[in-house]
Amino acid sequence: MSNFVAIVATKFTNLDEEGNSDSESYGYRIFDDYANEYGNIFEEEDVRATLTDPAALLRMVQENGNDVAQAIIDHAMEFNMAIEINGEEYDNDTWVAWLTPED
């Protein structure tokens, strides 16, 4: 069982053959002790907005992530785990509520 889950807003930099910055893209990384996934198809301003809104980053991952991302989230939910988002830890009740639609 995993004991650490993290989601991080990320700026990806592609390097040319000389190691210089060639291009950049924006998105997220999600990982635990066993798996990882990333998405880099987002606009810079959308990712920057998640720096102060961890719920938005979590929803971005849930709505756009592949099966690996969803499995990491499902596992954390099943085992009542906290998730670290952009360096801050959120307990299970807090982050699960962000994914639960309000009535």
C-alpha atoms as a PDB file:
ATOM      1  CA  MET A   1       0.000   0.000   0.000  1.00  0.00           C
ATOM      2  CA  SER A   2       1.213   3.462  -0.852  1.00  0.00           C
ATOM      3  CA  ASN A   3       1.912   5.853   1.996  1.00  0.00           C
ATOM      4  CA  PHE A   4       2.490   9.063   0.061  1.00  0.00           C
ATOM      5  CA  VAL A   5       0.517  10.785  -2.705  1.00  0.00           C
ATOM      6  CA  ALA A   6       1.521  14.094  -4.254  1.00  0.00           C
ATOM      7  CA  ILE A   7       0.131  16.338  -6.968  1.00  0.00           C
ATOM      8  CA  VAL A   8       2.263  19.199  -8.247  1.00  0.00           C
ATOM      9  CA  ALA A   9       1.550  21.978 -10.730  1.00  0.00           C
ATOM     10  CA  THR A  10       4.437  21.720 -13.170  1.00  0.00           C
ATOM     11  CA  LYS A  11       6.221  23.655 -15.891  1.00  0.00           C
ATOM     12  CA  PHE A  12       7.880  21.200 -18.270  1.00  0.00           C
ATOM     13  CA  THR A  13      10.946  22.298 -20.211  1.00  0.00           C
ATOM     14  CA  ASN A  14      12.103  20.440 -23.293  1.00  0.00           C
ATOM     15  CA  LEU A  15      15.826  20.533 -23.945  1.00  0.00           C
ATOM     16  CA  ASP A  16      17.618  20.651 -27.256  1.00  0.00           C
ATOM     17  CA  GLU A  17      20.654  18.503 -28.027  1.00  0.00           C
ATOM     18  CA  GLU A  18      22.899  21.034 -26.259  1.00  0.00           C
ATOM     19  CA  GLY A  19      20.823  21.045 -23.091  1.00  0.00           C
ATOM     20  CA  ASN A  20      19.273  24.451 -23.692  1.00  0.00           C
ATOM     21  CA  SER A  21      15.595  25.197 -23.191  1.00  0.00           C
ATOM     22  CA  ASP A  22      13.792  24.412 -26.435  1.00  0.00           C
ATOM     23  CA  SER A  23      10.129  24.759 -25.479  1.00  0.00           C
ATOM     24  CA  GLU A  24       7.887  24.754 -22.423  1.00  0.00           C
ATOM     25  CA  SER A  25       4.515  23.289 -21.546  1.00  0.00           C
ATOM     26  CA  TYR A  26       2.374  23.370 -18.417  1.00  0.00           C
ATOM     27  CA  GLY A  27       0.403  20.832 -16.444  1.00  0.00           C
ATOM     28  CA  TYR A  28       0.701  18.563 -13.442  1.00  0.00           C
ATOM     29  CA  ARG A  29       2.469  15.532 -12.032  1.00  0.00           C
ATOM     30  CA  ILE A  30       0.756  13.021  -9.758  1.00  0.00           C
ATOM     31  CA  PHE A  31       2.699  10.261  -8.052  1.00  0.00           C
ATOM     32  CA  ASP A  32       2.795   7.875  -5.134  1.00  0.00           C
ATOM     33  CA  ASP A  33       5.298   5.302  -3.982  1.00  0.00           C
ATOM     34  CA  TYR A  34       4.517   3.000  -6.909  1.00  0.00           C
ATOM     35  CA  ALA A  35       3.303   4.953  -9.927  1.00  0.00           C
ATOM     36  CA  ASN A  36       3.345   8.341 -11.599  1.00  0.00           C
ATOM     37  CA  GLU A  37       1.613  10.206 -14.368  1.00  0.00           C
ATOM     38  CA  TYR A  38       1.740  13.655 -15.872  1.00  0.00           C
ATOM     39  CA  GLY A  39      -0.323  15.894 -18.095  1.00  0.00           C
ATOM     40  CA  ASN A  40       1.285  18.772 -19.974  1.00  0.00           C
ATOM     41  CA  ILE A  41      -1.483  19.970 -22.265  1.00  0.00           C
ATOM     42  CA  PHE A  42      -2.729  22.991 -20.331  1.00  0.00           C
ATOM     43  CA  GLU A  43      -2.429  26.734 -20.742  1.00  0.00           C
ATOM     44  CA  GLU A  44       0.074  28.482 -18.498  1.00  0.00           C
ATOM     45  CA  GLU A  45      -2.565  30.710 -16.898  1.00  0.00           C
ATOM     46  CA  ASP A  46      -4.781  27.716 -16.052  1.00  0.00           C
ATOM     47  CA  VAL A  47      -1.909  25.976 -14.257  1.00  0.00           C
ATOM     48  CA  ARG A  48      -0.786  29.160 -12.499  1.00  0.00           C
ATOM     49  CA  ALA A  49      -4.334  29.575 -11.144  1.00  0.00           C
ATOM     50  CA  THR A  50      -4.017  26.202  -9.390  1.00  0.00           C
ATOM     51  CA  LEU A  51      -1.020  27.422  -7.377  1.00  0.00           C
ATOM     52  CA  THR A  52      -3.423  29.131  -4.973  1.00  0.00           C
ATOM     53  CA  ASP A  53      -6.356  26.751  -5.511  1.00  0.00           C
ATOM     54  CA  PRO A  54      -5.420  23.167  -4.630  1.00  0.00           C
ATOM     55  CA  ALA A  55      -8.982  21.983  -5.252  1.00  0.00           C
ATOM     56  CA  ALA A  56      -8.733  23.184  -8.851  1.00  0.00           C
ATOM     57  CA  LEU A  57      -5.492  21.257  -9.370  1.00  0.00           C
ATOM     58  CA  LEU A  58      -7.010  18.102  -7.926  1.00  0.00           C
ATOM     59  CA  ARG A  59     -10.048  18.450 -10.198  1.00  0.00           C
ATOM     60  CA  MET A  60      -7.751  19.102 -13.191  1.00  0.00           C
ATOM     61  CA  VAL A  61      -6.015  15.787 -12.528  1.00  0.00           C
ATOM     62  CA  GLN A  62      -9.227  13.872 -11.926  1.00  0.00           C
ATOM     63  CA  GLU A  63     -10.918  15.221 -15.047  1.00  0.00           C
ATOM     64  CA  ASN A  64      -7.917  14.884 -17.383  1.00  0.00           C
ATOM     65  CA  GLY A  65      -5.696  12.185 -15.922  1.00  0.00           C
ATOM     66  CA  ASN A  66      -5.349   8.703 -17.349  1.00  0.00           C
ATOM     67  CA  ASP A  67      -6.082   5.398 -15.588  1.00  0.00           C
ATOM     68  CA  VAL A  68      -2.883   5.654 -13.524  1.00  0.00           C
ATOM     69  CA  ALA A  69      -3.855   9.062 -12.130  1.00  0.00           C
ATOM     70  CA  GLN A  70      -7.336   7.828 -11.316  1.00  0.00           C
ATOM     71  CA  ALA A  71      -5.979   4.693  -9.632  1.00  0.00           C
ATOM     72  CA  ILE A  72      -3.728   6.815  -7.405  1.00  0.00           C
ATOM     73  CA  ILE A  73      -6.667   9.019  -6.404  1.00  0.00           C
ATOM     74  CA  ASP A  74      -8.972   6.021  -5.885  1.00  0.00           C
ATOM     75  CA  HIS A  75      -6.379   4.278  -3.716  1.00  0.00           C
ATOM     76  CA  ALA A  76      -5.896   7.360  -1.542  1.00  0.00           C
ATOM     77  CA  MET A  77      -9.659   7.691  -1.195  1.00  0.00           C
ATOM     78  CA  GLU A  78     -10.153   4.002  -0.323  1.00  0.00           C
ATOM     79  CA  PHE A  79      -7.491   4.063   2.379  1.00  0.00           C
ATOM     80  CA  ASN A  80      -8.442   7.502   3.777  1.00  0.00           C
ATOM     81  CA  MET A  81      -5.049   8.934   2.913  1.00  0.00           C
ATOM     82  CA  ALA A  82      -3.938  12.545   2.924  1.00  0.00           C
ATOM     83  CA  ILE A  83      -2.687  14.042  -0.352  1.00  0.00           C
ATOM     84  CA  GLU A  84       0.067  16.599  -0.716  1.00  0.00           C
ATOM     85  CA  ILE A  85      -0.880  19.241  -3.280  1.00  0.00           C
ATOM     86  CA  ASN A  86       1.731  21.812  -4.272  1.00  0.00           C
ATOM     87  CA  GLY A  87       3.660  21.103  -1.086  1.00  0.00           C
ATOM     88  CA  GLU A  88       0.726  21.334   1.361  1.00  0.00           C
ATOM     89  CA  GLU A  89      -0.830  18.249   2.904  1.00  0.00           C
ATOM     90  CA  TYR A  90      -4.631  17.928   2.930  1.00  0.00           C
ATOM     91  CA  ASP A  91      -6.418  15.318   4.993  1.00  0.00           C
ATOM     92  CA  ASN A  92      -8.760  12.866   3.336  1.00  0.00           C
ATOM     93  CA  ASP A  93     -11.972  14.589   4.433  1.00  0.00           C
ATOM     94  CA  THR A  94     -10.794  17.891   2.961  1.00  0.00           C
ATOM     95  CA  TRP A  95      -9.706  16.747  -0.480  1.00  0.00           C
ATOM     96  CA  VAL A  96     -12.520  14.226  -0.945  1.00  0.00           C
ATOM     97  CA  ALA A  97     -15.005  17.034  -0.302  1.00  0.00           C
ATOM     98  CA  TRP A  98     -13.441  18.980  -3.188  1.00  0.00           C
ATOM     99  CA  LEU A  99     -14.381  16.127  -5.542  1.00  0.00           C
ATOM    100  CA  THR A 100     -17.888  15.659  -4.168  1.00  0.00           C
ATOM    101  CA  PRO A 101     -20.564  17.641  -5.990  1.00  0.00           C
ATOM    102  CA  GLU A 102     -22.644  19.865  -3.757  1.00  0.00           C
ATOM    103  CA  ASP A 103     -26.355  19.136  -3.623  1.00  0.00           C
END
